[in-house]
Amino acid sequence: MLTNLATILRQAELLSPTQEQALGEHIQASGTCVPEALLALDIFSHQELTTHLSQLFGLPETDITRFDYSSLCGQLGLRELITRFQALPLLSNNSVLTIAVADPTHIQIEDEFRFATGLQVELVLADFKAIQSAIRQLYGKRIGHQASGNRDISQDELANLVEVADDEINAIEDLSQDDSPVSRFINQILLDAVRKGASDIHFEPYEDLYRVRLRCDGILVETQQPANHLSRRLSARVKILASLDIAERRLPQDGRIKLKLNETTAVDMRVSTLPTLWGEKIVLRILDSSSANLDIDKLGYNEQQKQLYLQALKRPQGMILMTGPTGSGKTVSLYTGLSILNTSQVNISTAEDPVEINLTGINQVQVQPKIGFGFAQALRSFLRQDPDIVMVGEIRDFETAEIAVKASQTGHLVLSTLHTNSAAETVVRLSNMGVEAFNLASSLSLIIAQRLARRLCSHCKTPVQDDALIHQLSLPKESMLFEANPKGCSECTGGYLGRVGIYEVMPFDDKLSQAVIKGAGVQDIELLAKSRGMQTLKESGLEKLKHGITSYSELQRVLYL
């Protein structure tokens, strides 16, 4: 039996020699598989390719959405085989495992899955894009073989472990081994989180439940429910990885994990433990520098907002502040500005807690408040290091604010963040910290308040005509609104794909500075800024809604419209 799909298609006169040559060149250049290359070159449509292969190999076509493949894949624990062959187990019945494939020429598929499961294997054909999307949603993007070295652990294997877990809680020598079942389970969760682009991992114990949730695109999604008897062993394994005291369960602890993905790439994770009623809750923040997009054109600024930010960055001195709640994208906005400023002609120093994105050419400092080295102390040191540009991770107190303001008044460009709800509130917050109004007026260059909203999937978003809502939001009558498809499609999850920034950009000119000196309140500052052309967060969000970038329900969640 021939194993080259392209050759088989050509011999069946479904592919011309010219097309076969173009196919080979495309595969060599892109590294894709034959079905993916056939679709990319528009040689066949999805349905045509599946139909041709069904006729050539005598295999039935199927729709994978009719099967609960997610639960079955979780039980089998065969991620390495599934991702290697792009073969999706659909059904296990009467000692027969049904597997969906798009390329049936891989004769190893049946042997490998039969050996791994002990079941007879039956192949069916399915749309390549559907299989690829399902595997991506299950396991996320591929990140190399180095990270996948350990064998996956199945739910059955984990369940068997529960029966002996309680009397092995203190067997630390077992938990320290990378090949133990608990170790492999934790490793599997960490890798899946990175693959799926999660920002946080939550391990949460309750009286009758233990669950693992990932924060993807700002929303927590439950992914695992190991037996709650395992909670102490799972916590102990994470604490071993983070070099924490596994015997201390009464006090919160903080640590870090470096997860090696391959020989050249590693991801840092910040670990926080918290004693709760039913055990230790552990949250891991994933600090993946490689996934950060520092292209200002892709962050969601409109043209006017982008130009205001770029103009403020060109100034030799002054203060640029990013404001918003935790997880609103302030760090990425700051680092986008720093990446623009990062040249060999300037000295840039940053004080952060923690250092989330590594940039070559910038002197990044990790503050350590526990030993008396906080933001204020780091700033004082920076000013003795001949800086041109200084970034402070967060202004938390008067001492840090005062030093930052003075630095911005003495020939330095200062960038920092603050937790406030709007740009106008930032001025009042700094005043309440004790910073004098005249110092604020002379130092502030730009304040950007921001939020992150989920972006509608361009492939499956659904138009909705709601005249009442359009009137309520004072949008043009001809506006066409869109909402998410809750079932999603092969390209997205739940109708959303990625996130986009919503911004309120307030530049400081003479009139705004005078208002600050006179002690104007939040509403007065905001009204004045709007009269000077500032677009509020709500207005910016409605602009995204009008252009079909996000949905009204998402704006309600993010902006409380």
Protein backbone atom coordinates (compact mmCIF):
# COMPACT_ATOMS: atom_id res chain seq x y z
CA MET A 1 0.00 0.00 0.00
CA LEU A 2 1.37 3.40 -1.01
CA THR A 3 1.83 5.78 1.88
CA ASN A 4 2.25 9.01 -0.05
CA LEU A 5 -1.12 10.69 -0.30
CA ALA A 6 -0.03 13.03 -3.09
CA THR A 7 1.15 10.08 -5.23
CA ILE A 8 -2.12 8.22 -4.65
CA LEU A 9 -4.15 11.26 -5.71
CA ARG A 10 -2.06 11.70 -8.85
CA GLN A 11 -2.38 8.01 -9.79
CA ALA A 12 -6.14 8.38 -9.36
CA GLU A 13 -5.92 11.32 -11.81
CA LEU A 14 -7.22 13.68 -9.14
CA LEU A 15 -3.96 15.61 -9.09
CA SER A 16 -1.94 16.80 -12.09
CA PRO A 17 1.87 16.51 -12.15
CA THR A 18 2.07 20.32 -11.98
CA GLN A 19 -0.16 20.38 -8.91
CA GLU A 20 1.86 17.59 -7.31
CA GLN A 21 5.06 19.56 -7.84
CA ALA A 22 3.51 22.74 -6.39
CA LEU A 23 2.26 20.67 -3.47
CA GLY A 24 5.73 19.31 -2.75
CA GLU A 25 7.27 22.78 -2.88
CA HIS A 26 4.62 24.15 -0.52
CA ILE A 27 5.12 21.32 1.97
CA GLN A 28 8.91 21.74 1.89
CA ALA A 29 8.62 25.49 2.44
CA SER A 30 5.93 25.47 5.13
CA GLY A 31 6.38 22.10 6.82
CA THR A 32 2.65 21.37 6.64
CA CYS A 33 1.04 17.97 6.01
CA VAL A 34 -0.48 16.94 2.67
CA PRO A 35 -4.18 17.60 3.51
CA GLU A 36 -3.35 21.03 4.92
CA ALA A 37 -1.27 21.88 1.83
CA LEU A 38 -4.03 20.70 -0.54
CA LEU A 39 -6.50 23.01 1.18
CA ALA A 40 -4.06 25.92 1.39
CA LEU A 41 -3.40 25.77 -2.37
CA ASP A 42 -7.17 25.53 -3.08
CA ILE A 43 -6.68 22.31 -5.04
CA PHE A 44 -9.70 20.81 -3.26
CA SER A 45 -12.38 22.17 -0.96
CA HIS A 46 -12.81 20.54 2.45
CA GLN A 47 -15.75 18.44 1.29
CA GLU A 48 -14.12 17.46 -2.01
CA LEU A 49 -10.99 16.21 -0.28
CA THR A 50 -12.94 14.14 2.26
CA THR A 51 -15.17 12.66 -0.46
CA HIS A 52 -12.23 11.73 -2.71
CA LEU A 53 -10.38 10.02 0.15
CA SER A 54 -13.53 8.18 1.23
CA GLN A 55 -13.93 6.74 -2.27
CA LEU A 56 -10.22 5.89 -2.65
CA PHE A 57 -9.81 4.15 0.70
CA GLY A 58 -13.33 2.83 1.22
CA LEU A 59 -13.73 4.58 4.55
CA PRO A 60 -16.98 6.18 5.76
CA GLU A 61 -17.22 9.94 6.24
CA THR A 62 -18.31 11.27 9.62
CA ASP A 63 -19.08 14.50 11.46
CA ILE A 64 -16.94 14.65 14.60
CA THR A 65 -19.32 17.08 16.33
CA ARG A 66 -21.73 14.17 16.90
CA PHE A 67 -19.28 12.52 19.29
CA ASP A 68 -18.11 13.30 22.83
CA TYR A 69 -14.45 13.06 21.82
CA SER A 70 -13.33 15.41 24.58
CA SER A 71 -14.27 12.99 27.38
CA LEU A 72 -12.85 10.00 25.51
CA CYS A 73 -9.51 11.71 24.86
CA GLY A 74 -9.34 12.68 28.53
CA GLN A 75 -9.88 9.03 29.55
CA LEU A 76 -7.33 7.66 27.09
CA GLY A 77 -4.59 10.20 27.84
CA LEU A 78 -2.92 9.77 24.45
CA ARG A 79 -2.08 13.38 23.63
CA GLU A 80 1.27 12.54 22.02
CA LEU A 81 -0.26 10.04 19.57
CA ILE A 82 -3.28 12.23 18.82
CA THR A 83 -1.19 15.31 18.04
CA ARG A 84 1.52 13.40 16.16
CA PHE A 85 -0.89 11.71 13.73
CA GLN A 86 -3.64 14.37 13.87
CA ALA A 87 -5.96 11.44 14.61
CA LEU A 88 -8.96 11.99 16.89
CA PRO A 89 -10.52 9.12 18.92
CA LEU A 90 -14.31 9.46 18.68
CA LEU A 91 -15.88 6.36 20.22
CA SER A 92 -14.91 3.29 22.22
CA ASN A 93 -17.50 0.52 21.95
CA ASN A 94 -17.33 -3.30 22.15
CA SER A 95 -13.53 -3.36 22.24
CA VAL A 96 -13.36 -1.20 19.09
CA LEU A 97 -11.87 2.29 19.07
CA THR A 98 -13.17 4.54 16.28
CA ILE A 99 -10.63 7.16 15.18
CA ALA A 100 -11.22 10.08 12.79
CA VAL A 101 -8.39 10.88 10.37
CA ALA A 102 -7.91 13.19 7.41
CA ASP A 103 -4.94 11.28 5.94
CA PRO A 104 -5.45 7.49 6.08
CA THR A 105 -2.06 6.72 4.50
CA HIS A 106 -0.33 6.68 7.91
CA ILE A 107 -0.33 2.91 8.36
CA GLN A 108 1.23 3.29 11.81
CA ILE A 109 -1.95 4.87 13.20
CA GLU A 110 -3.78 1.58 13.69
CA ASP A 111 -0.75 -0.21 15.14
CA GLU A 112 0.19 2.62 17.53
CA PHE A 113 -3.33 3.11 18.92
CA ARG A 114 -3.95 -0.67 19.13
CA PHE A 115 -0.73 -1.10 21.11
CA ALA A 116 -1.49 1.88 23.41
CA THR A 117 -5.12 0.91 24.19
CA GLY A 118 -5.39 -2.84 23.61
CA LEU A 119 -8.45 -2.17 21.42
CA GLN A 120 -9.17 -2.93 17.79
CA VAL A 121 -8.99 0.25 15.70
CA GLU A 122 -11.50 1.39 13.10
CA LEU A 123 -10.71 4.45 10.95
CA VAL A 124 -13.25 6.94 9.63
CA LEU A 125 -12.68 10.05 7.53
CA ALA A 126 -13.45 13.57 8.74
CA ASP A 127 -12.75 17.12 7.63
CA PHE A 128 -9.10 17.99 8.25
CA LYS A 129 -9.88 21.50 9.55
CA ALA A 130 -12.45 20.09 12.01
CA ILE A 131 -9.95 17.51 13.34
CA GLN A 132 -7.20 20.13 13.60
CA SER A 133 -9.47 22.55 15.43
CA ALA A 134 -10.71 19.89 17.86
CA ILE A 135 -7.15 18.83 18.71
CA ARG A 136 -6.11 22.47 19.14
CA GLN A 137 -9.01 23.09 21.53
CA LEU A 138 -8.13 19.95 23.49
CA TYR A 139 -4.39 20.47 23.69
CA GLY A 140 -3.65 23.93 22.26
CA LYS A 141 -0.73 24.78 20.02
CA ARG A 142 2.24 22.43 19.72
CA ILE A 143 5.28 23.63 21.65
CA GLY A 144 7.90 21.03 20.82
CA HIS A 145 8.83 17.52 21.81
CA GLN A 146 11.07 18.44 24.74
CA ALA A 147 8.10 19.54 26.83
CA SER A 148 6.11 16.41 25.98
CA GLY A 149 8.70 13.92 27.10
CA ASN A 150 6.64 12.49 29.96
CA ARG A 151 3.83 10.09 29.21
CA ASP A 152 0.32 11.50 29.73
CA ILE A 153 -1.65 10.25 32.70
CA SER A 154 -5.20 9.04 32.05
CA GLN A 155 -8.18 9.67 34.31
CA ASP A 156 -8.35 5.95 35.10
CA GLU A 157 -4.71 5.93 36.21
CA LEU A 158 -5.36 8.99 38.36
CA ALA A 159 -8.46 7.40 39.86
CA ASN A 160 -6.47 4.31 40.82
CA LEU A 161 -3.97 6.60 42.53
CA VAL A 162 -6.72 8.05 44.73
CA GLU A 163 -7.20 4.75 46.54
CA VAL A 164 -3.66 4.87 47.95
CA ALA A 165 -3.21 8.62 48.07
CA ASP A 166 -4.04 9.31 51.71
CA ASP A 167 -1.39 7.09 53.22
CA GLU A 168 1.25 8.38 50.77
CA ILE A 169 0.82 12.10 51.37
CA ASN A 170 4.16 12.35 53.15
CA ALA A 171 6.05 10.22 50.61
CA ILE A 172 7.98 13.23 49.39
CA GLU A 173 10.61 11.16 47.66
CA ASP A 174 7.83 9.89 45.36
CA LEU A 175 6.50 13.38 44.63
CA SER A 176 9.96 14.67 43.78
CA GLN A 177 10.28 12.19 40.90
CA ASP A 178 9.29 13.51 37.47
CA ASP A 179 7.85 10.14 36.40
CA SER A 180 5.43 9.70 39.31
CA PRO A 181 1.70 9.83 38.40
CA VAL A 182 1.12 13.06 40.36
CA SER A 183 4.16 14.68 38.76
CA ARG A 184 3.02 13.72 35.28
CA PHE A 185 -0.49 15.02 35.99
CA ILE A 186 0.83 18.41 37.15
CA ASN A 187 3.20 18.60 34.20
CA GLN A 188 0.33 17.83 31.84
CA ILE A 189 -1.76 20.68 33.30
CA LEU A 190 1.11 23.17 33.06
CA LEU A 191 1.84 22.28 29.44
CA ASP A 192 -1.82 22.39 28.44
CA ALA A 193 -2.13 25.85 30.00
CA VAL A 194 0.81 27.16 27.98
CA ARG A 195 -0.47 25.56 24.78
CA LYS A 196 -3.91 27.13 25.23
CA GLY A 197 -2.45 30.56 25.90
CA ALA A 198 -3.81 30.74 29.47
CA SER A 199 -2.67 33.56 31.73
CA ASP A 200 -3.39 31.81 35.06
CA ILE A 201 -3.92 28.32 36.48
CA HIS A 202 -6.12 27.82 39.57
CA PHE A 203 -5.91 24.70 41.77
CA GLU A 204 -8.93 24.88 44.09
CA PRO A 205 -9.85 22.46 46.92
CA TYR A 206 -13.41 22.21 48.32
CA GLU A 207 -15.14 19.78 50.69
CA ASP A 208 -16.31 17.34 48.02
CA LEU A 209 -14.56 18.70 44.96
CA TYR A 210 -11.13 19.58 43.65
CA ARG A 211 -11.00 21.50 40.40
CA VAL A 212 -8.44 23.01 38.05
CA ARG A 213 -9.35 26.11 36.05
CA LEU A 214 -7.49 28.06 33.37
CA ARG A 215 -7.98 31.75 32.63
CA CYS A 216 -8.15 32.05 28.84
CA ASP A 217 -8.94 35.41 27.22
CA GLY A 218 -9.88 36.76 30.66
CA ILE A 219 -12.46 34.04 31.43
CA LEU A 220 -11.94 31.12 33.83
CA VAL A 221 -12.64 27.72 32.24
CA GLU A 222 -12.74 24.47 34.23
CA THR A 223 -10.50 21.81 32.68
CA GLN A 224 -9.96 19.07 35.28
CA GLN A 225 -11.67 17.62 38.35
CA PRO A 226 -9.25 15.24 40.04
CA ALA A 227 -10.52 13.53 43.20
CA ASN A 228 -10.32 15.84 46.19
CA HIS A 229 -8.33 13.17 48.10
CA LEU A 230 -5.42 14.14 45.88
CA SER A 231 -5.41 17.80 46.87
CA ARG A 232 -2.50 17.63 49.34
CA ARG A 233 -0.32 15.57 47.02
CA LEU A 234 -0.99 17.88 44.07
CA SER A 235 -0.25 20.93 46.23
CA ALA A 236 2.95 19.32 47.49
CA ARG A 237 4.15 18.63 43.94
CA VAL A 238 3.55 22.24 42.82
CA LYS A 239 5.34 23.52 45.94
CA ILE A 240 8.32 21.24 45.22
CA LEU A 241 8.55 22.66 41.70
CA ALA A 242 8.39 26.20 43.12
CA SER A 243 11.00 25.47 45.84
CA LEU A 244 8.50 26.22 48.63
CA ASP A 245 8.19 24.68 52.11
CA ILE A 246 5.87 21.69 51.63
CA ALA A 247 5.41 21.25 55.38
CA GLU A 248 4.03 24.79 55.82
CA ARG A 249 0.30 24.71 55.10
CA ARG A 250 -0.87 27.45 57.49
CA LEU A 251 0.74 30.50 55.86
CA PRO A 252 0.64 31.85 52.29
CA GLN A 253 3.81 31.34 50.25
CA ASP A 254 5.15 32.77 46.98
CA GLY A 255 7.56 31.16 44.54
CA ARG A 256 8.43 30.64 40.89
CA ILE A 257 8.56 27.75 38.42
CA LYS A 258 10.58 27.65 35.18
CA LEU A 259 8.91 25.26 32.75
CA LYS A 260 11.20 24.16 29.92
CA LEU A 261 9.28 23.83 26.65
CA ASN A 262 12.21 22.84 24.45
CA GLU A 263 15.97 23.27 24.31
CA THR A 264 15.74 27.02 23.61
CA THR A 265 12.46 28.12 25.21
CA ALA A 266 11.22 28.23 28.79
CA VAL A 267 8.23 29.82 30.49
CA ASP A 268 8.32 31.38 33.96
CA MET A 269 5.38 30.93 36.32
CA ARG A 270 4.71 32.92 39.47
CA VAL A 271 3.25 30.69 42.21
CA SER A 272 1.04 31.82 45.09
CA THR A 273 -0.37 29.50 47.77
CA LEU A 274 -3.25 30.40 50.09
CA PRO A 275 -4.59 28.31 53.01
CA THR A 276 -8.38 27.86 52.65
CA LEU A 277 -10.99 25.94 54.60
CA TRP A 278 -10.46 22.68 52.69
CA GLY A 279 -6.77 22.91 51.81
CA GLU A 280 -4.33 25.11 49.93
CA LYS A 281 -5.52 27.04 46.89
CA ILE A 282 -2.66 27.56 44.45
CA VAL A 283 -2.63 30.07 41.60
CA LEU A 284 0.07 30.16 38.94
CA ARG A 285 0.53 33.26 36.78
CA ILE A 286 2.14 32.35 33.44
CA LEU A 287 4.79 34.87 32.42
CA ASP A 288 5.35 33.96 28.78
CA SER A 289 7.46 36.65 27.10
CA SER A 290 7.30 34.91 23.72
CA SER A 291 3.50 35.19 23.52
CA ALA A 292 3.39 38.95 24.14
CA ASN A 293 2.46 40.98 21.07
CA LEU A 294 4.27 44.33 21.27
CA ASP A 295 3.05 45.67 17.92
CA ILE A 296 1.19 48.92 18.65
CA ASP A 297 -0.94 48.46 15.53
CA LYS A 298 -2.39 45.22 16.93
CA LEU A 299 -3.31 46.43 20.42
CA GLY A 300 -6.58 48.13 19.48
CA TYR A 301 -5.67 51.83 19.52
CA ASN A 302 -7.47 53.89 16.90
CA GLU A 303 -5.31 56.20 14.79
CA GLN A 304 -5.82 59.28 16.97
CA GLN A 305 -5.05 57.38 20.20
CA LYS A 306 -1.97 55.77 18.67
CA GLN A 307 -0.56 59.12 17.53
CA LEU A 308 -1.10 60.65 20.99
CA TYR A 309 0.82 57.76 22.59
CA LEU A 310 3.66 58.00 20.06
CA GLN A 311 3.92 61.79 20.53
CA ALA A 312 4.18 61.37 24.32
CA LEU A 313 6.92 58.75 23.84
CA LYS A 314 8.93 61.22 21.76
CA ARG A 315 9.10 63.75 24.59
CA PRO A 316 12.43 63.86 26.43
CA GLN A 317 10.76 64.11 29.82
CA GLY A 318 7.38 63.80 31.50
CA MET A 319 5.20 61.03 32.89
CA ILE A 320 3.07 58.49 31.00
CA LEU A 321 0.65 56.49 33.15
CA MET A 322 -1.30 53.32 32.27
CA THR A 323 -4.36 52.73 34.45
CA GLY A 324 -6.94 50.00 34.83
CA PRO A 325 -7.71 46.89 36.89
CA THR A 326 -5.47 43.83 37.11
CA GLY A 327 -5.40 41.93 33.83
CA SER A 328 -6.38 44.88 31.63
CA GLY A 329 -3.21 44.80 29.51
CA LYS A 330 -1.30 47.66 31.15
CA THR A 331 2.02 45.79 31.10
CA VAL A 332 1.79 44.99 27.38
CA SER A 333 0.95 48.64 26.60
CA LEU A 334 3.93 49.80 28.66
CA TYR A 335 6.30 47.35 27.03
CA THR A 336 5.05 48.27 23.59
CA GLY A 337 6.14 51.82 24.34
CA LEU A 338 9.47 50.65 25.75
CA SER A 339 10.14 48.49 22.67
CA ILE A 340 9.63 51.60 20.50
CA LEU A 341 12.04 53.59 22.68
CA ASN A 342 14.60 50.79 22.98
CA THR A 343 17.61 51.96 20.95
CA SER A 344 21.35 51.99 21.59
CA GLN A 345 21.25 55.76 22.18
CA VAL A 346 19.21 55.66 25.42
CA ASN A 347 19.54 54.04 28.85
CA ILE A 348 16.28 52.40 29.97
CA SER A 349 15.79 50.93 33.45
CA THR A 350 12.67 49.22 34.81
CA ALA A 351 11.58 48.24 38.32
CA GLU A 352 8.98 45.47 38.27
CA ASP A 353 7.19 43.00 40.53
CA PRO A 354 7.57 40.58 38.82
CA VAL A 355 9.51 40.98 35.56
CA GLU A 356 6.93 39.63 33.10
CA ILE A 357 8.44 40.32 29.67
CA ASN A 358 12.15 40.11 28.91
CA LEU A 359 13.50 42.72 26.50
CA THR A 360 17.14 42.74 25.43
CA GLY A 361 18.66 46.20 25.77
CA ILE A 362 16.59 47.20 28.81
CA ASN A 363 17.93 46.98 32.38
CA GLN A 364 15.16 45.14 34.20
CA VAL A 365 15.15 44.98 38.00
CA GLN A 366 13.03 42.65 40.13
CA VAL A 367 11.99 44.48 43.31
CA GLN A 368 11.94 42.52 46.57
CA PRO A 369 9.90 44.33 49.24
CA LYS A 370 10.60 41.58 51.79
CA ILE A 371 14.23 42.66 52.02
CA GLY A 372 13.46 46.39 51.86
CA PHE A 373 14.08 46.79 48.12
CA GLY A 374 10.83 48.25 46.80
CA PHE A 375 9.89 50.54 43.93
CA ALA A 376 11.02 53.68 45.75
CA GLN A 377 14.43 52.21 46.57
CA ALA A 378 14.85 50.99 42.96
CA LEU A 379 13.94 54.45 41.62
CA ARG A 380 16.52 56.14 43.82
CA SER A 381 19.15 53.73 42.52
CA PHE A 382 18.10 54.32 38.91
CA LEU A 383 18.62 58.06 39.24
CA ARG A 384 22.27 57.39 40.11
CA GLN A 385 22.67 55.19 37.00
CA ASP A 386 22.45 57.95 34.35
CA PRO A 387 18.98 56.97 33.03
CA ASP A 388 17.10 58.49 30.09
CA ILE A 389 13.90 56.47 30.52
CA VAL A 390 12.55 54.86 33.68
CA MET A 391 9.66 52.43 34.04
CA VAL A 392 8.10 51.73 37.44
CA GLY A 393 5.86 48.66 37.56
CA GLU A 394 3.27 50.32 39.79
CA ILE A 395 2.89 53.48 41.85
CA ARG A 396 1.54 52.18 45.15
CA ASP A 397 2.42 54.85 47.70
CA PHE A 398 3.38 58.50 48.16
CA GLU A 399 7.12 57.82 48.35
CA THR A 400 7.19 56.10 44.94
CA ALA A 401 4.87 58.72 43.42
CA GLU A 402 6.99 61.60 44.71
CA ILE A 403 10.27 60.19 43.35
CA ALA A 404 8.63 59.37 40.00
CA VAL A 405 7.23 62.91 39.69
CA LYS A 406 10.59 64.48 40.53
CA ALA A 407 12.35 62.22 38.02
CA SER A 408 9.92 63.31 35.29
CA GLN A 409 10.63 66.95 36.13
CA THR A 410 14.40 66.58 35.92
CA GLY A 411 14.88 65.41 32.35
CA HIS A 412 13.67 61.80 32.49
CA LEU A 413 10.78 60.10 30.74
CA VAL A 414 8.89 58.05 33.34
CA LEU A 415 6.35 55.31 32.57
CA SER A 416 4.26 53.58 35.20
CA THR A 417 0.88 52.04 36.08
CA LEU A 418 -1.84 52.84 38.59
CA HIS A 419 -5.05 51.05 39.61
CA THR A 420 -7.84 53.50 38.79
CA ASN A 421 -11.06 53.18 36.77
CA SER A 422 -10.55 56.12 34.40
CA ALA A 423 -7.91 58.60 33.25
CA ALA A 424 -9.51 61.47 35.19
CA GLU A 425 -9.59 59.46 38.43
CA THR A 426 -5.83 58.99 38.18
CA VAL A 427 -5.20 62.67 38.84
CA VAL A 428 -7.40 62.64 41.95
CA ARG A 429 -5.80 59.40 43.16
CA LEU A 430 -2.31 60.89 42.95
CA SER A 431 -3.51 64.03 44.73
CA ASN A 432 -4.99 61.89 47.50
CA MET A 433 -1.62 60.16 47.85
CA GLY A 434 -0.16 63.54 48.72
CA VAL A 435 1.39 64.69 45.43
CA GLU A 436 1.03 68.46 45.08
CA ALA A 437 -1.24 69.68 42.27
CA PHE A 438 1.43 71.92 40.72
CA ASN A 439 3.85 68.97 40.58
CA LEU A 440 1.24 66.83 38.84
CA ALA A 441 0.45 69.58 36.34
CA SER A 442 4.10 70.02 35.40
CA SER A 443 4.95 66.30 35.15
CA LEU A 444 1.96 64.52 33.55
CA SER A 445 2.22 64.05 29.79
CA LEU A 446 -0.35 61.35 29.08
CA ILE A 447 -2.75 59.06 30.95
CA ILE A 448 -4.17 55.95 29.28
CA ALA A 449 -7.03 54.06 30.93
CA GLN A 450 -7.70 50.67 29.38
CA ARG A 451 -9.64 47.42 29.44
CA LEU A 452 -9.43 44.15 27.49
CA ALA A 453 -12.51 42.78 25.72
CA ARG A 454 -12.81 39.47 23.91
CA ARG A 455 -12.70 39.80 20.14
CA LEU A 456 -15.52 38.26 18.10
CA CYS A 457 -14.48 35.41 15.80
CA SER A 458 -14.58 36.80 12.27
CA HIS A 459 -15.53 33.35 10.92
CA CYS A 460 -18.71 32.69 12.90
CA LYS A 461 -19.92 35.97 14.43
CA THR A 462 -23.66 36.42 13.95
CA PRO A 463 -25.31 39.68 12.79
CA VAL A 464 -28.19 40.90 14.93
CA GLN A 465 -30.61 43.71 14.13
CA ASP A 466 -31.67 45.35 17.40
CA ASP A 467 -33.14 48.79 16.65
CA ALA A 468 -33.96 49.42 20.32
CA LEU A 469 -30.36 48.78 21.39
CA ILE A 470 -28.99 50.90 18.54
CA HIS A 471 -31.25 53.76 19.65
CA GLN A 472 -30.31 53.25 23.32
CA LEU A 473 -26.61 53.46 22.49
CA SER A 474 -27.12 56.47 20.16
CA LEU A 475 -25.52 54.63 17.27
CA PRO A 476 -26.28 55.44 13.60
CA LYS A 477 -29.52 53.78 12.47
CA GLU A 478 -27.72 51.85 9.74
CA SER A 479 -25.35 50.24 12.27
CA MET A 480 -25.08 46.44 12.12
CA LEU A 481 -24.28 44.77 15.43
CA PHE A 482 -22.83 41.30 15.90
CA GLU A 483 -22.95 38.73 18.66
CA ALA A 484 -20.91 35.63 19.43
CA ASN A 485 -21.94 32.20 18.23
CA PRO A 486 -22.10 30.28 21.55
CA LYS A 487 -21.22 27.01 19.78
CA GLY A 488 -18.15 28.59 18.20
CA CYS A 489 -16.49 27.16 15.11
CA SER A 490 -13.29 25.42 14.08
CA GLU A 491 -11.32 28.67 14.50
CA CYS A 492 -12.50 29.83 17.95
CA THR A 493 -13.84 28.96 21.38
CA GLY A 494 -17.40 30.01 22.16
CA GLY A 495 -17.51 32.58 19.39
CA TYR A 496 -14.49 34.60 20.55
CA LEU A 497 -10.90 34.58 19.35
CA GLY A 498 -8.31 36.64 21.26
CA ARG A 499 -8.78 40.01 22.93
CA VAL A 500 -8.63 43.66 21.92
CA GLY A 501 -7.83 46.76 23.97
CA ILE A 502 -10.35 49.50 24.73
CA TYR A 503 -8.64 52.79 25.55
CA GLU A 504 -9.21 56.24 27.01
CA VAL A 505 -6.21 58.42 26.09
CA MET A 506 -5.90 61.77 27.91
CA PRO A 507 -3.05 64.06 26.77
CA PHE A 508 -2.19 66.97 29.08
CA ASP A 509 -2.16 70.45 27.56
CA ASP A 510 -2.13 73.87 29.24
CA LYS A 511 -5.89 73.95 29.93
CA LEU A 512 -5.91 70.54 31.60
CA SER A 513 -2.81 71.44 33.61
CA GLN A 514 -4.48 74.63 34.83
CA ALA A 515 -7.58 72.65 35.85
CA VAL A 516 -5.38 70.26 37.87
CA ILE A 517 -3.66 73.18 39.63
CA LYS A 518 -7.09 74.61 40.53
CA GLY A 519 -8.07 71.31 42.13
CA ALA A 520 -10.73 70.25 39.59
CA GLY A 521 -12.68 67.08 40.40
CA VAL A 522 -13.02 63.91 38.35
CA GLN A 523 -16.11 65.03 36.43
CA ASP A 524 -14.67 68.45 35.62
CA ILE A 525 -11.40 66.98 34.35
CA GLU A 526 -13.26 64.40 32.24
CA LEU A 527 -15.63 66.99 30.72
CA LEU A 528 -12.71 69.25 29.87
CA ALA A 529 -10.74 66.37 28.34
CA LYS A 530 -13.78 65.34 26.26
CA SER A 531 -14.15 68.89 24.99
CA ARG A 532 -10.49 68.66 23.95
CA GLY A 533 -11.25 65.55 21.88
CA MET A 534 -10.73 62.67 24.30
CA GLN A 535 -12.70 59.49 23.61
CA THR A 536 -13.94 57.85 26.83
CA LEU A 537 -13.76 54.13 27.52
CA LYS A 538 -17.46 53.79 26.76
CA GLU A 539 -17.14 55.67 23.46
CA SER A 540 -14.09 53.61 22.51
CA GLY A 541 -15.97 50.41 23.33
CA LEU A 542 -18.98 51.48 21.25
CA GLU A 543 -16.64 52.17 18.35
CA LYS A 544 -15.41 48.56 18.58
CA LEU A 545 -19.04 47.41 18.76
CA LYS A 546 -20.03 49.45 15.70
CA HIS A 547 -17.17 47.95 13.68
CA GLY A 548 -18.13 44.38 14.64
CA ILE A 549 -14.97 43.77 16.67
CA THR A 550 -16.74 42.82 19.90
CA SER A 551 -20.27 42.24 21.18
CA TYR A 552 -22.60 44.26 23.41
CA SER A 553 -22.67 41.51 26.06
CA GLU A 554 -18.87 41.57 26.21
CA LEU A 555 -18.87 45.36 26.62
CA GLN A 556 -21.38 44.99 29.43
CA ARG A 557 -19.05 42.53 31.16
CA VAL A 558 -15.97 44.70 30.75
CA LEU A 559 -17.33 48.25 31.01
CA TYR A 560 -20.59 47.74 32.92
CA LEU A 561 -22.61 49.63 30.27
